[in-house]
Amino acid sequence: MRKIAFLASHNGSGMRYLLEARARHEVEFEPVLVVSNNPGSAALACARDLGIPAVVVNEKRCGGPDEADRALCQCLRQHGAEWVLLSGYMKRIGPVTLSAYRNRILNIHPSLLPKFGGPGMYGMRVHEAVIESGESVTGATVHVVDHEYDHGPVLAQAEVPVLPGDTPERLRARVLEVEGPLYLQVLKKIERGEIDLDAFGADAPL
């Protein structure tokens, strides 16, 4: 059974969906850790309620980005994490953690990458940008994390229509409905061997 750590800055809705799917026996994994850069994160409270170790790691507490990167990697290793799943995690993953978990860190992004990704494209900003652009379709993307924001190999996508008169809030709600199921779909495909994370190569640049 895979040991999974979650990284979340706020609510961690994707994390919650996967934990609920696990409770329904739809997928098997062991949640070994939840990490947030935000001490007030609802994801940390959720973890504590479920008896999952919950830890705060951020630059302020650790003394800088390099120190936070090393602390995160150490924490993940101490708890035996094999995969790391990002669920609304707003910080860049550092080189130490990327190297230790090469091709084992996944993220879900609320757009059809490569559109509307990259620095500054997070949360409601993504949906505002989609509407302002006049796009008729948006969605969610699960991808492997590398050294650039929202850049690594795409594993799966789910489309969501942009409706006439949509507000960013309405669009966000509809995208959110497909994010959890998409993440779950990817986990199941990895477990069945339909997605091979090692296929991306150990020598691929981070």
Protein backbone atom coordinates (compact mmCIF):
# COMPACT_ATOMS: atom_id res chain seq x y z
CA MET A 1 0.00 0.00 0.00
CA ARG A 2 1.43 3.35 -1.08
CA LYS A 3 2.32 5.80 1.65
CA ILE A 4 1.16 9.28 0.62
CA ALA A 5 1.90 12.71 2.07
CA PHE A 6 -0.26 15.70 1.20
CA LEU A 7 0.86 19.32 0.90
CA ALA A 8 -1.87 21.96 1.21
CA SER A 9 -1.89 25.69 1.94
CA HIS A 10 -5.56 26.13 2.73
CA ASN A 11 -8.58 23.80 2.58
CA GLY A 12 -7.01 20.89 0.72
CA SER A 13 -10.19 19.93 -1.13
CA GLY A 14 -8.44 17.40 -3.37
CA MET A 15 -6.84 15.80 -0.33
CA ARG A 16 -10.21 15.60 1.40
CA TYR A 17 -11.80 13.94 -1.62
CA LEU A 18 -9.10 11.29 -1.77
CA LEU A 19 -9.30 10.61 1.96
CA GLU A 20 -13.07 10.21 1.63
CA ALA A 21 -12.61 7.87 -1.35
CA ARG A 22 -10.18 5.82 0.73
CA ALA A 23 -12.74 5.61 3.53
CA ARG A 24 -15.23 4.29 0.95
CA HIS A 25 -12.64 1.67 -0.11
CA GLU A 26 -12.45 3.13 -3.63
CA VAL A 27 -8.68 3.37 -3.45
CA GLU A 28 -5.97 2.02 -1.17
CA PHE A 29 -3.19 4.14 0.25
CA GLU A 30 -1.82 5.08 3.65
CA PRO A 31 -1.96 8.81 4.47
CA VAL A 32 1.21 9.32 6.47
CA LEU A 33 1.50 13.12 6.69
CA VAL A 34 -0.12 16.45 5.90
CA VAL A 35 2.19 19.45 5.57
CA SER A 36 1.21 23.09 5.20
CA ASN A 37 3.10 26.35 4.98
CA ASN A 38 0.07 27.96 6.67
CA PRO A 39 -0.37 27.32 10.41
CA GLY A 40 -4.07 28.14 10.12
CA SER A 41 -4.70 25.77 7.23
CA ALA A 42 -7.99 23.88 7.37
CA ALA A 43 -6.14 20.93 5.83
CA LEU A 44 -4.06 20.64 9.01
CA ALA A 45 -7.19 20.65 11.15
CA CYS A 46 -8.69 17.95 8.93
CA ALA A 47 -5.56 15.83 9.32
CA ARG A 48 -5.56 16.16 13.09
CA ASP A 49 -9.24 15.19 13.23
CA LEU A 50 -8.42 12.02 11.28
CA GLY A 51 -5.33 11.20 13.32
CA ILE A 52 -2.90 11.93 10.48
CA PRO A 53 0.37 13.63 11.47
CA ALA A 54 0.14 17.35 10.64
CA VAL A 55 3.18 19.60 10.36
CA VAL A 56 3.85 23.25 9.50
CA VAL A 57 6.92 23.89 7.34
CA ASN A 58 7.58 27.37 6.01
CA GLU A 59 10.41 29.79 5.34
CA LYS A 60 9.66 31.91 8.41
CA ARG A 61 9.90 29.00 10.81
CA CYS A 62 12.85 27.37 9.09
CA GLY A 63 14.92 30.49 8.36
CA GLY A 64 14.72 30.69 4.58
CA PRO A 65 13.69 28.82 1.41
CA ASP A 66 16.67 26.45 1.33
CA GLU A 67 16.18 25.52 4.97
CA ALA A 68 12.45 25.01 4.41
CA ASP A 69 13.19 22.76 1.44
CA ARG A 70 15.55 20.59 3.50
CA ALA A 71 13.10 20.50 6.42
CA LEU A 72 10.24 19.44 4.14
CA CYS A 73 12.29 16.66 2.58
CA GLN A 74 13.45 15.43 5.97
CA CYS A 75 9.90 15.44 7.30
CA LEU A 76 8.59 13.48 4.32
CA ARG A 77 11.33 10.89 4.69
CA GLN A 78 10.85 10.58 8.45
CA HIS A 79 7.20 9.71 7.90
CA GLY A 80 8.00 7.22 5.15
CA ALA A 81 6.21 9.08 2.35
CA GLU A 82 6.54 7.42 -1.05
CA TRP A 83 4.38 9.84 -3.03
CA VAL A 84 3.65 13.50 -2.41
CA LEU A 85 0.34 14.96 -3.57
CA LEU A 86 -0.20 18.71 -3.73
CA SER A 87 -3.69 20.00 -2.94
CA GLY A 88 -3.77 23.76 -3.32
CA TYR A 89 -0.17 24.10 -2.16
CA MET A 90 1.00 27.62 -2.97
CA LYS A 91 4.76 27.24 -2.56
CA ARG A 92 7.36 26.11 -5.08
CA ILE A 93 8.90 22.72 -4.30
CA GLY A 94 12.65 23.10 -3.73
CA PRO A 95 15.45 21.14 -5.43
CA VAL A 96 16.23 18.91 -2.45
CA THR A 97 12.66 17.63 -2.23
CA LEU A 98 12.31 17.41 -6.02
CA SER A 99 15.45 15.29 -6.24
CA ALA A 100 14.43 12.98 -3.40
CA TYR A 101 10.94 12.48 -4.86
CA ARG A 102 11.65 12.66 -8.57
CA ASN A 103 8.51 11.80 -10.55
CA ARG A 104 6.67 11.10 -7.29
CA ILE A 105 5.22 14.56 -6.64
CA LEU A 106 1.86 15.24 -8.27
CA ASN A 107 -0.23 18.40 -8.44
CA ILE A 108 -3.75 19.26 -9.55
CA HIS A 109 -4.25 22.63 -11.23
CA PRO A 110 -7.64 24.29 -11.96
CA SER A 111 -7.16 24.82 -15.70
CA LEU A 112 -6.27 22.88 -18.82
CA LEU A 113 -2.50 23.27 -18.74
CA PRO A 114 -0.47 24.70 -20.36
CA LYS A 115 -3.18 27.37 -20.48
CA PHE A 116 -3.51 29.57 -17.41
CA GLY A 117 -0.62 28.12 -15.46
CA GLY A 118 2.63 29.47 -14.10
CA PRO A 119 3.57 32.12 -11.52
CA GLY A 120 0.57 34.03 -10.20
CA MET A 121 -1.94 31.60 -11.67
CA TYR A 122 -3.60 30.14 -8.61
CA GLY A 123 -6.98 30.12 -6.90
CA MET A 124 -9.58 32.55 -8.19
CA ARG A 125 -7.02 34.28 -10.42
CA VAL A 126 -7.11 31.29 -12.76
CA HIS A 127 -10.88 31.42 -13.22
CA GLU A 128 -10.86 35.20 -13.62
CA ALA A 129 -8.26 34.88 -16.36
CA VAL A 130 -10.22 32.13 -18.12
CA ILE A 131 -13.39 34.24 -18.22
CA GLU A 132 -11.54 37.39 -19.31
CA SER A 133 -9.90 35.47 -22.15
CA GLY A 134 -13.21 34.39 -23.63
CA GLU A 135 -12.39 30.67 -23.44
CA SER A 136 -15.35 28.34 -23.91
CA VAL A 137 -13.76 25.39 -22.12
CA THR A 138 -11.59 25.09 -19.03
CA GLY A 139 -11.04 22.25 -16.57
CA ALA A 140 -8.46 20.61 -14.33
CA THR A 141 -5.07 19.00 -14.88
CA VAL A 142 -3.08 16.47 -12.87
CA HIS A 143 0.63 16.69 -13.64
CA VAL A 144 4.03 15.68 -12.35
CA VAL A 145 5.77 18.48 -10.46
CA ASP A 146 9.11 19.80 -11.67
CA HIS A 147 11.13 22.98 -11.07
CA GLU A 148 8.64 25.25 -12.84
CA TYR A 149 5.15 26.16 -11.69
CA ASP A 150 2.46 24.05 -13.43
CA HIS A 151 4.95 22.70 -15.95
CA GLY A 152 5.65 18.98 -15.51
CA PRO A 153 4.27 16.12 -17.64
CA VAL A 154 0.47 16.04 -17.82
CA LEU A 155 -1.09 12.79 -16.55
CA ALA A 156 -4.79 13.55 -17.05
CA GLN A 157 -7.25 16.36 -17.71
CA ALA A 158 -10.98 16.90 -17.28
CA GLU A 159 -12.90 19.54 -19.23
CA VAL A 160 -15.50 21.94 -17.85
CA PRO A 161 -17.55 24.32 -20.02
CA VAL A 162 -17.38 28.05 -19.48
CA LEU A 163 -21.01 29.18 -19.55
CA PRO A 164 -22.42 32.53 -20.68
CA GLY A 165 -22.55 34.94 -17.76
CA ASP A 166 -20.20 32.82 -15.65
CA THR A 167 -18.60 34.44 -12.63
CA PRO A 168 -15.23 33.27 -11.34
CA GLU A 169 -16.99 31.86 -8.28
CA ARG A 170 -19.44 29.79 -10.31
CA LEU A 171 -16.72 28.55 -12.61
CA ARG A 172 -14.49 27.64 -9.68
CA ALA A 173 -17.30 25.59 -8.13
CA ARG A 174 -17.79 23.58 -11.33
CA VAL A 175 -14.08 22.98 -11.79
CA LEU A 176 -13.81 21.91 -8.17
CA GLU A 177 -16.42 19.22 -8.82
CA VAL A 178 -14.12 17.47 -11.31
CA GLU A 179 -10.82 17.92 -9.47
CA GLY A 180 -11.27 15.24 -6.82
CA PRO A 181 -12.56 12.57 -9.22
CA LEU A 182 -9.70 13.36 -11.63
CA TYR A 183 -7.08 12.97 -8.89
CA LEU A 184 -8.69 9.68 -7.87
CA GLN A 185 -8.70 8.48 -11.48
CA VAL A 186 -4.98 9.16 -11.76
CA LEU A 187 -4.17 7.32 -8.54
CA LYS A 188 -6.13 4.29 -9.70
CA LYS A 189 -4.37 4.30 -13.08
CA ILE A 190 -0.98 4.47 -11.40
CA GLU A 191 -1.90 1.56 -9.15
CA ARG A 192 -3.11 -0.50 -12.15
CA GLY A 193 0.08 0.28 -14.07
CA GLU A 194 -1.75 2.30 -16.72
CA ILE A 195 0.38 5.32 -15.83
CA ASP A 196 4.08 4.64 -15.35
CA LEU A 197 5.73 7.52 -13.52
CA ASP A 198 9.16 5.97 -14.15
CA ALA A 199 8.62 6.39 -17.88
CA PHE A 200 9.55 10.05 -17.53
CA GLY A 201 13.14 9.02 -16.84
CA ALA A 202 15.48 9.50 -13.92
CA ASP A 203 17.66 11.79 -15.99
CA ALA A 204 14.87 14.17 -16.98
CA PRO A 205 15.70 17.72 -15.92
CA LEU A 206 14.01 18.99 -12.81
